Amino acid sequence: MIEKQFNKKGVKRLNKAWKSFYEKYTKFGYFEFSKVFYSDNYALFYFVRSASPLTGKGEIVIFKQINDEWEFFRDIPVWCN
């Protein structure tokens, strides 16, 4: 489905594809997540949010296990545009 929307060439067509994608599915873009990695009482994963053809960010998100519950610990920006 996404491949069909974004396989067109040219910036105007790509922007039009994003607009169509937003209107049909979401206003937040799309998200990608890596596999979760565990070490002792920490868990981390890589997270990407694409908001338009030239806008998005990637970051590492870390959770810490406290009293048998996973709580957000911090995020580390990797890239942003």
PDB file of N, CA and C in Angstrom:
ATOM      1  N   MET A   1       0.817  -1.176   0.000  1.00  0.00           N
ATOM      2  CA  MET A   1       0.000   0.000   0.000  1.00  0.00           C
ATOM      3  C   MET A   1       0.874   1.259   0.000  1.00  0.00           C
ATOM      4  N   ILE A   2       1.834   1.362   0.915  1.00  0.00           N
ATOM      5  CA  ILE A   2       2.698   2.540   0.964  1.00  0.00           C
ATOM      6  C   ILE A   2       3.546   2.614  -0.298  1.00  0.00           C
ATOM      7  N   GLU A   3       4.076   1.463  -0.741  1.00  0.00           N
ATOM      8  CA  GLU A   3       4.893   1.445  -1.945  1.00  0.00           C
ATOM      9  C   GLU A   3       4.112   2.000  -3.139  1.00  0.00           C
ATOM     10  N   LYS A   4       2.839   1.657  -3.229  1.00  0.00           N
ATOM     11  CA  LYS A   4       1.998   2.131  -4.330  1.00  0.00           C
ATOM     12  C   LYS A   4       1.866   3.650  -4.288  1.00  0.00           C
ATOM     13  N   GLN A   5       1.724   4.207  -3.082  1.00  0.00           N
ATOM     14  CA  GLN A   5       1.562   5.661  -2.939  1.00  0.00           C
ATOM     15  C   GLN A   5       2.854   6.407  -3.277  1.00  0.00           C
ATOM     16  N   PHE A   6       4.022   5.824  -2.950  1.00  0.00           N
ATOM     17  CA  PHE A   6       5.269   6.573  -3.012  1.00  0.00           C
ATOM     18  C   PHE A   6       6.219   6.149  -4.126  1.00  0.00           C
ATOM     19  N   ASN A   7       5.752   5.360  -5.077  1.00  0.00           N
ATOM     20  CA  ASN A   7       6.655   4.933  -6.135  1.00  0.00           C
ATOM     21  C   ASN A   7       6.673   5.899  -7.318  1.00  0.00           C
ATOM     22  N   LYS A   8       5.983   6.998  -7.214  1.00  0.00           N
ATOM     23  CA  LYS A   8       5.953   7.989  -8.280  1.00  0.00           C
ATOM     24  C   LYS A   8       7.216   8.847  -8.223  1.00  0.00           C
ATOM     25  N   LYS A   9       7.668   9.326  -9.378  1.00  0.00           N
ATOM     26  CA  LYS A   9       8.877  10.138  -9.423  1.00  0.00           C
ATOM     27  C   LYS A   9       8.535  11.622  -9.403  1.00  0.00           C
ATOM     28  N   GLY A  10       9.475  12.419  -8.916  1.00  0.00           N
ATOM     29  CA  GLY A  10       9.310  13.866  -8.895  1.00  0.00           C
ATOM     30  C   GLY A  10       8.798  14.373  -7.570  1.00  0.00           C
ATOM     31  N   VAL A  11       9.311  15.534  -7.154  1.00  0.00           N
ATOM     32  CA  VAL A  11       8.960  16.109  -5.853  1.00  0.00           C
ATOM     33  C   VAL A  11       7.480  16.471  -5.781  1.00  0.00           C
ATOM     34  N   LYS A  12       6.925  17.059  -6.826  1.00  0.00           N
ATOM     35  CA  LYS A  12       5.503  17.424  -6.798  1.00  0.00           C
ATOM     36  C   LYS A  12       4.635  16.194  -6.610  1.00  0.00           C
ATOM     37  N   ARG A  13       4.954  15.143  -7.317  1.00  0.00           N
ATOM     38  CA  ARG A  13       4.184  13.911  -7.171  1.00  0.00           C
ATOM     39  C   ARG A  13       4.379  13.302  -5.792  1.00  0.00           C
ATOM     40  N   LEU A  14       5.592  13.378  -5.280  1.00  0.00           N
ATOM     41  CA  LEU A  14       5.861  12.836  -3.948  1.00  0.00           C
ATOM     42  C   LEU A  14       5.096  13.615  -2.885  1.00  0.00           C
ATOM     43  N   ASN A  15       5.103  14.945  -2.979  1.00  0.00           N
ATOM     44  CA  ASN A  15       4.329  15.755  -2.036  1.00  0.00           C
ATOM     45  C   ASN A  15       2.837  15.453  -2.145  1.00  0.00           C
ATOM     46  N   LYS A  16       2.361  15.264  -3.360  1.00  0.00           N
ATOM     47  CA  LYS A  16       0.952  14.926  -3.562  1.00  0.00           C
ATOM     48  C   LYS A  16       0.641  13.555  -2.951  1.00  0.00           C
ATOM     49  N   ALA A  17       1.588  12.619  -3.084  1.00  0.00           N
ATOM     50  CA  ALA A  17       1.406  11.289  -2.488  1.00  0.00           C
ATOM     51  C   ALA A  17       1.330  11.388  -0.971  1.00  0.00           C
ATOM     52  N   TRP A  18       2.193  12.218  -0.360  1.00  0.00           N
ATOM     53  CA  TRP A  18       2.135  12.396   1.101  1.00  0.00           C
ATOM     54  C   TRP A  18       0.799  13.000   1.515  1.00  0.00           C
ATOM     55  N   LYS A  19       0.359  14.016   0.785  1.00  0.00           N
ATOM     56  CA  LYS A  19      -0.912  14.654   1.129  1.00  0.00           C
ATOM     57  C   LYS A  19      -2.053  13.644   1.055  1.00  0.00           C
ATOM     58  N   SER A  20      -2.046  12.843   0.017  1.00  0.00           N
ATOM     59  CA  SER A  20      -3.060  11.807  -0.137  1.00  0.00           C
ATOM     60  C   SER A  20      -2.982  10.791   0.996  1.00  0.00           C
ATOM     61  N   PHE A  21      -1.753  10.401   1.348  1.00  0.00           N
ATOM     62  CA  PHE A  21      -1.539   9.448   2.439  1.00  0.00           C
ATOM     63  C   PHE A  21      -2.085  10.009   3.750  1.00  0.00           C
ATOM     64  N   TYR A  22      -1.750  11.283   4.061  1.00  0.00           N
ATOM     65  CA  TYR A  22      -2.238  11.926   5.284  1.00  0.00           C
ATOM     66  C   TYR A  22      -3.757  11.959   5.339  1.00  0.00           C
ATOM     67  N   GLU A  23      -4.354  12.425   4.249  1.00  0.00           N
ATOM     68  CA  GLU A  23      -5.807  12.560   4.230  1.00  0.00           C
ATOM     69  C   GLU A  23      -6.499  11.222   4.417  1.00  0.00           C
ATOM     70  N   LYS A  24      -5.903  10.184   3.872  1.00  0.00           N
ATOM     71  CA  LYS A  24      -6.543   8.878   3.925  1.00  0.00           C
ATOM     72  C   LYS A  24      -6.255   8.127   5.221  1.00  0.00           C
ATOM     73  N   TYR A  25      -5.038   8.258   5.778  1.00  0.00           N
ATOM     74  CA  TYR A  25      -4.657   7.410   6.910  1.00  0.00           C
ATOM     75  C   TYR A  25      -4.394   8.154   8.219  1.00  0.00           C
ATOM     76  N   THR A  26      -3.595   9.210   8.170  1.00  0.00           N
ATOM     77  CA  THR A  26      -3.247   9.879   9.431  1.00  0.00           C
ATOM     78  C   THR A  26      -2.642  11.253   9.171  1.00  0.00           C
ATOM     79  N   LYS A  27      -2.733  12.115  10.145  1.00  0.00           N
ATOM     80  CA  LYS A  27      -2.107  13.430  10.043  1.00  0.00           C
ATOM     81  C   LYS A  27      -0.713  13.434  10.670  1.00  0.00           C
ATOM     82  N   PHE A  28      -0.298  12.317  11.238  1.00  0.00           N
ATOM     83  CA  PHE A  28       0.980  12.257  11.954  1.00  0.00           C
ATOM     84  C   PHE A  28       2.097  11.612  11.144  1.00  0.00           C
ATOM     85  N   GLY A  29       1.850  11.195   9.931  1.00  0.00           N
ATOM     86  CA  GLY A  29       2.864  10.515   9.145  1.00  0.00           C
ATOM     87  C   GLY A  29       2.841   9.036   9.454  1.00  0.00           C
ATOM     88  N   TYR A  30       3.992   8.395   9.334  1.00  0.00           N
ATOM     89  CA  TYR A  30       4.044   6.992   9.704  1.00  0.00           C
ATOM     90  C   TYR A  30       5.253   6.732  10.582  1.00  0.00           C
ATOM     91  N   PHE A  31       5.199   5.634  11.295  1.00  0.00           N
ATOM     92  CA  PHE A  31       6.201   5.313  12.292  1.00  0.00           C
ATOM     93  C   PHE A  31       6.851   3.970  11.987  1.00  0.00           C
ATOM     94  N   GLU A  32       8.116   3.853  12.355  1.00  0.00           N
ATOM     95  CA  GLU A  32       8.834   2.594  12.239  1.00  0.00           C
ATOM     96  C   GLU A  32       9.490   2.313  13.594  1.00  0.00           C
ATOM     97  N   PHE A  33       9.516   1.052  13.970  1.00  0.00           N
ATOM     98  CA  PHE A  33      10.138   0.646  15.237  1.00  0.00           C
ATOM     99  C   PHE A  33      11.071  -0.525  14.984  1.00  0.00           C
ATOM    100  N   SER A  34      12.194  -0.523  15.667  1.00  0.00           N
ATOM    101  CA  SER A  34      13.101  -1.665  15.586  1.00  0.00           C
ATOM    102  C   SER A  34      12.649  -2.737  16.572  1.00  0.00           C
ATOM    103  N   LYS A  35      13.338  -3.828  16.545  1.00  0.00           N
ATOM    104  CA  LYS A  35      13.163  -4.858  17.555  1.00  0.00           C
ATOM    105  C   LYS A  35      13.591  -4.258  18.906  1.00  0.00           C
ATOM    106  N   VAL A  36      12.986  -4.705  19.990  1.00  0.00           N
ATOM    107  CA  VAL A  36      13.354  -4.212  21.330  1.00  0.00           C
ATOM    108  C   VAL A  36      14.564  -5.001  21.820  1.00  0.00           C
ATOM    109  N   PHE A  37      15.559  -4.288  22.332  1.00  0.00           N
ATOM    110  CA  PHE A  37      16.764  -4.901  22.885  1.00  0.00           C
ATOM    111  C   PHE A  37      16.754  -4.718  24.398  1.00  0.00           C
ATOM    112  N   TYR A  38      17.093  -5.781  25.114  1.00  0.00           N
ATOM    113  CA  TYR A  38      17.079  -5.756  26.577  1.00  0.00           C
ATOM    114  C   TYR A  38      18.492  -5.931  27.123  1.00  0.00           C
ATOM    115  N   SER A  39      18.783  -5.225  28.202  1.00  0.00           N
ATOM    116  CA  SER A  39      20.043  -5.368  28.912  1.00  0.00           C
ATOM    117  C   SER A  39      19.789  -5.019  30.372  1.00  0.00           C
ATOM    118  N   ASP A  40      19.970  -6.012  31.240  1.00  0.00           N
ATOM    119  CA  ASP A  40      19.677  -5.857  32.670  1.00  0.00           C
ATOM    120  C   ASP A  40      18.252  -5.319  32.835  1.00  0.00           C
ATOM    121  N   ASN A  41      18.108  -4.162  33.471  1.00  0.00           N
ATOM    122  CA  ASN A  41      16.766  -3.615  33.678  1.00  0.00           C
ATOM    123  C   ASN A  41      16.456  -2.464  32.708  1.00  0.00           C
ATOM    124  N   TYR A  42      17.082  -2.497  31.535  1.00  0.00           N
ATOM    125  CA  TYR A  42      16.831  -1.492  30.500  1.00  0.00           C
ATOM    126  C   TYR A  42      16.336  -2.165  29.221  1.00  0.00           C
ATOM    127  N   ALA A  43      15.520  -1.442  28.496  1.00  0.00           N
ATOM    128  CA  ALA A  43      15.062  -1.876  27.179  1.00  0.00           C
ATOM    129  C   ALA A  43      15.176  -0.674  26.251  1.00  0.00           C
ATOM    130  N   LEU A  44      15.610  -0.917  25.020  1.00  0.00           N
ATOM    131  CA  LEU A  44      15.708   0.192  24.073  1.00  0.00           C
ATOM    132  C   LEU A  44      15.279  -0.269  22.694  1.00  0.00           C
ATOM    133  N   PHE A  45      14.849   0.721  21.907  1.00  0.00           N
ATOM    134  CA  PHE A  45      14.494   0.461  20.516  1.00  0.00           C
ATOM    135  C   PHE A  45      14.739   1.724  19.712  1.00  0.00           C
ATOM    136  N   TYR A  46      14.874   1.551  18.410  1.00  0.00           N
ATOM    137  CA  TYR A  46      15.058   2.660  17.492  1.00  0.00           C
ATOM    138  C   TYR A  46      13.692   3.026  16.928  1.00  0.00           C
ATOM    139  N   PHE A  47      13.404   4.307  16.871  1.00  0.00           N
ATOM    140  CA  PHE A  47      12.094   4.819  16.483  1.00  0.00           C
ATOM    141  C   PHE A  47      12.265   5.869  15.396  1.00  0.00           C
ATOM    142  N   VAL A  48      11.471   5.772  14.337  1.00  0.00           N
ATOM    143  CA  VAL A  48      11.494   6.761  13.251  1.00  0.00           C
ATOM    144  C   VAL A  48      10.084   7.263  13.024  1.00  0.00           C
ATOM    145  N   ARG A  49       9.955   8.568  12.885  1.00  0.00           N
ATOM    146  CA  ARG A  49       8.681   9.190  12.498  1.00  0.00           C
ATOM    147  C   ARG A  49       8.933   9.969  11.224  1.00  0.00           C
ATOM    148  N   SER A  50       8.229   9.639  10.157  1.00  0.00           N
ATOM    149  CA  SER A  50       8.324  10.367   8.897  1.00  0.00           C
ATOM    150  C   SER A  50       7.057  11.196   8.752  1.00  0.00           C
ATOM    151  N   ALA A  51       7.250  12.501   8.642  1.00  0.00           N
ATOM    152  CA  ALA A  51       6.108  13.408   8.608  1.00  0.00           C
ATOM    153  C   ALA A  51       5.815  13.948   7.217  1.00  0.00           C
ATOM    154  N   SER A  52       6.795  13.927   6.335  1.00  0.00           N
ATOM    155  CA  SER A  52       6.641  14.354   4.954  1.00  0.00           C
ATOM    156  C   SER A  52       7.882  13.861   4.217  1.00  0.00           C
ATOM    157  N   PRO A  53       7.988  14.104   2.929  1.00  0.00           N
ATOM    158  CA  PRO A  53       9.159  13.596   2.209  1.00  0.00           C
ATOM    159  C   PRO A  53      10.491  14.077   2.777  1.00  0.00           C
ATOM    160  N   LEU A  54      10.515  15.273   3.326  1.00  0.00           N
ATOM    161  CA  LEU A  54      11.777  15.817   3.832  1.00  0.00           C
ATOM    162  C   LEU A  54      11.727  16.144   5.316  1.00  0.00           C
ATOM    163  N   THR A  55      10.771  15.609   6.037  1.00  0.00           N
ATOM    164  CA  THR A  55      10.643  15.908   7.453  1.00  0.00           C
ATOM    165  C   THR A  55      10.475  14.616   8.243  1.00  0.00           C
ATOM    166  N   GLY A  56      11.244  14.512   9.317  1.00  0.00           N
ATOM    167  CA  GLY A  56      11.127  13.340  10.168  1.00  0.00           C
ATOM    168  C   GLY A  56      12.207  13.355  11.224  1.00  0.00           C
ATOM    169  N   LYS A  57      12.259  12.287  12.003  1.00  0.00           N
ATOM    170  CA  LYS A  57      13.309  12.171  13.010  1.00  0.00           C
ATOM    171  C   LYS A  57      13.493  10.707  13.364  1.00  0.00           C
ATOM    172  N   GLY A  58      14.696  10.413  13.818  1.00  0.00           N
ATOM    173  CA  GLY A  58      15.013   9.076  14.300  1.00  0.00           C
ATOM    174  C   GLY A  58      15.638   9.210  15.671  1.00  0.00           C
ATOM    175  N   GLU A  59      15.287   8.327  16.576  1.00  0.00           N
ATOM    176  CA  GLU A  59      15.838   8.406  17.917  1.00  0.00           C
ATOM    177  C   GLU A  59      15.867   7.033  18.576  1.00  0.00           C
ATOM    178  N   ILE A  60      16.700   6.911  19.565  1.00  0.00           N
ATOM    179  CA  ILE A  60      16.755   5.714  20.388  1.00  0.00           C
ATOM    180  C   ILE A  60      15.951   6.015  21.645  1.00  0.00           C
ATOM    181  N   VAL A  61      15.010   5.149  21.967  1.00  0.00           N
ATOM    182  CA  VAL A  61      14.148   5.333  23.131  1.00  0.00           C
ATOM    183  C   VAL A  61      14.515   4.285  24.167  1.00  0.00           C
ATOM    184  N   ILE A  62      14.714   4.732  25.398  1.00  0.00           N
ATOM    185  CA  ILE A  62      15.151   3.835  26.472  1.00  0.00           C
ATOM    186  C   ILE A  62      14.108   3.800  27.587  1.00  0.00           C
ATOM    187  N   PHE A  63      13.764   2.600  27.999  1.00  0.00           N
ATOM    188  CA  PHE A  63      12.880   2.381  29.136  1.00  0.00           C
ATOM    189  C   PHE A  63      13.672   1.685  30.235  1.00  0.00           C
ATOM    190  N   LYS A  64      13.278   1.922  31.475  1.00  0.00           N
ATOM    191  CA  LYS A  64      13.930   1.300  32.621  1.00  0.00           C
ATOM    192  C   LYS A  64      12.868   0.548  33.421  1.00  0.00           C
ATOM    193  N   GLN A  65      13.233  -0.652  33.853  1.00  0.00           N
ATOM    194  CA  GLN A  65      12.302  -1.450  34.644  1.00  0.00           C
ATOM    195  C   GLN A  65      12.446  -1.072  36.111  1.00  0.00           C
ATOM    196  N   ILE A  66      11.345  -0.584  36.681  1.00  0.00           N
ATOM    197  CA  ILE A  66      11.318  -0.178  38.090  1.00  0.00           C
ATOM    198  C   ILE A  66      10.119  -0.860  38.736  1.00  0.00           C
ATOM    199  N   ASN A  67      10.384  -1.661  39.762  1.00  0.00           N
ATOM    200  CA  ASN A  67       9.317  -2.398  40.460  1.00  0.00           C
ATOM    201  C   ASN A  67       8.439  -3.196  39.492  1.00  0.00           C
ATOM    202  N   ASP A  68       9.067  -3.949  38.614  1.00  0.00           N
ATOM    203  CA  ASP A  68       8.387  -4.820  37.644  1.00  0.00           C
ATOM    204  C   ASP A  68       7.537  -4.074  36.612  1.00  0.00           C
ATOM    205  N   GLU A  69       7.746  -2.776  36.441  1.00  0.00           N
ATOM    206  CA  GLU A  69       7.047  -2.004  35.412  1.00  0.00           C
ATOM    207  C   GLU A  69       8.068  -1.258  34.571  1.00  0.00           C
ATOM    208  N   TRP A  70       7.788  -1.176  33.264  1.00  0.00           N
ATOM    209  CA  TRP A  70       8.668  -0.441  32.365  1.00  0.00           C
ATOM    210  C   TRP A  70       8.240   1.018  32.323  1.00  0.00           C
ATOM    211  N   GLU A  71       9.195   1.906  32.623  1.00  0.00           N
ATOM    212  CA  GLU A  71       8.931   3.347  32.611  1.00  0.00           C
ATOM    213  C   GLU A  71       9.887   4.026  31.645  1.00  0.00           C
ATOM    214  N   PHE A  72       9.376   5.046  30.957  1.00  0.00           N
ATOM    215  CA  PHE A  72      10.219   5.816  30.050  1.00  0.00           C
ATOM    216  C   PHE A  72      11.398   6.379  30.823  1.00  0.00           C
ATOM    217  N   PHE A  73      12.614   6.221  30.270  1.00  0.00           N
ATOM    218  CA  PHE A  73      13.816   6.721  30.917  1.00  0.00           C
ATOM    219  C   PHE A  73      14.357   7.946  30.182  1.00  0.00           C
ATOM    220  N   ARG A  74      14.602   7.805  28.876  1.00  0.00           N
ATOM    221  CA  ARG A  74      15.068   8.939  28.066  1.00  0.00           C
ATOM    222  C   ARG A  74      15.077   8.574  26.605  1.00  0.00           C
ATOM    223  N   ASP A  75      15.196   9.589  25.761  1.00  0.00           N
ATOM    224  CA  ASP A  75      15.355   9.349  24.334  1.00  0.00           C
ATOM    225  C   ASP A  75      16.622  10.061  23.859  1.00  0.00           C
ATOM    226  N   ILE A  76      17.257   9.490  22.862  1.00  0.00           N
ATOM    227  CA  ILE A  76      18.497  10.032  22.317  1.00  0.00           C
ATOM    228  C   ILE A  76      18.263  10.326  20.839  1.00  0.00           C
ATOM    229  N   PRO A  77      18.228  11.598  20.454  1.00  0.00           N
ATOM    230  CA  PRO A  77      18.039  11.935  19.038  1.00  0.00           C
ATOM    231  C   PRO A  77      19.221  11.408  18.204  1.00  0.00           C
ATOM    232  N   VAL A  78      18.920  10.798  17.079  1.00  0.00           N
ATOM    233  CA  VAL A  78      19.951  10.307  16.168  1.00  0.00           C
ATOM    234  C   VAL A  78      20.024  11.197  14.933  1.00  0.00           C
ATOM    235  N   TRP A  79      18.878  11.569  14.411  1.00  0.00           N
ATOM    236  CA  TRP A  79      18.823  12.494  13.289  1.00  0.00           C
ATOM    237  C   TRP A  79      17.479  13.214  13.290  1.00  0.00           C
ATOM    238  N   CYS A  80      17.457  14.368  12.643  1.00  0.00           N
ATOM    239  CA  CYS A  80      16.225  15.151  12.551  1.00  0.00           C
ATOM    240  C   CYS A  80      16.363  16.077  11.344  1.00  0.00           C
ATOM    241  N   ASN A  81      15.275  16.205  10.589  1.00  0.00           N
ATOM    242  CA  ASN A  81      15.296  17.167   9.476  1.00  0.00           C
ATOM    243  C   ASN A  81      13.924  17.747   9.283  1.00  0.00           C
TER     244      ASN A  81
END
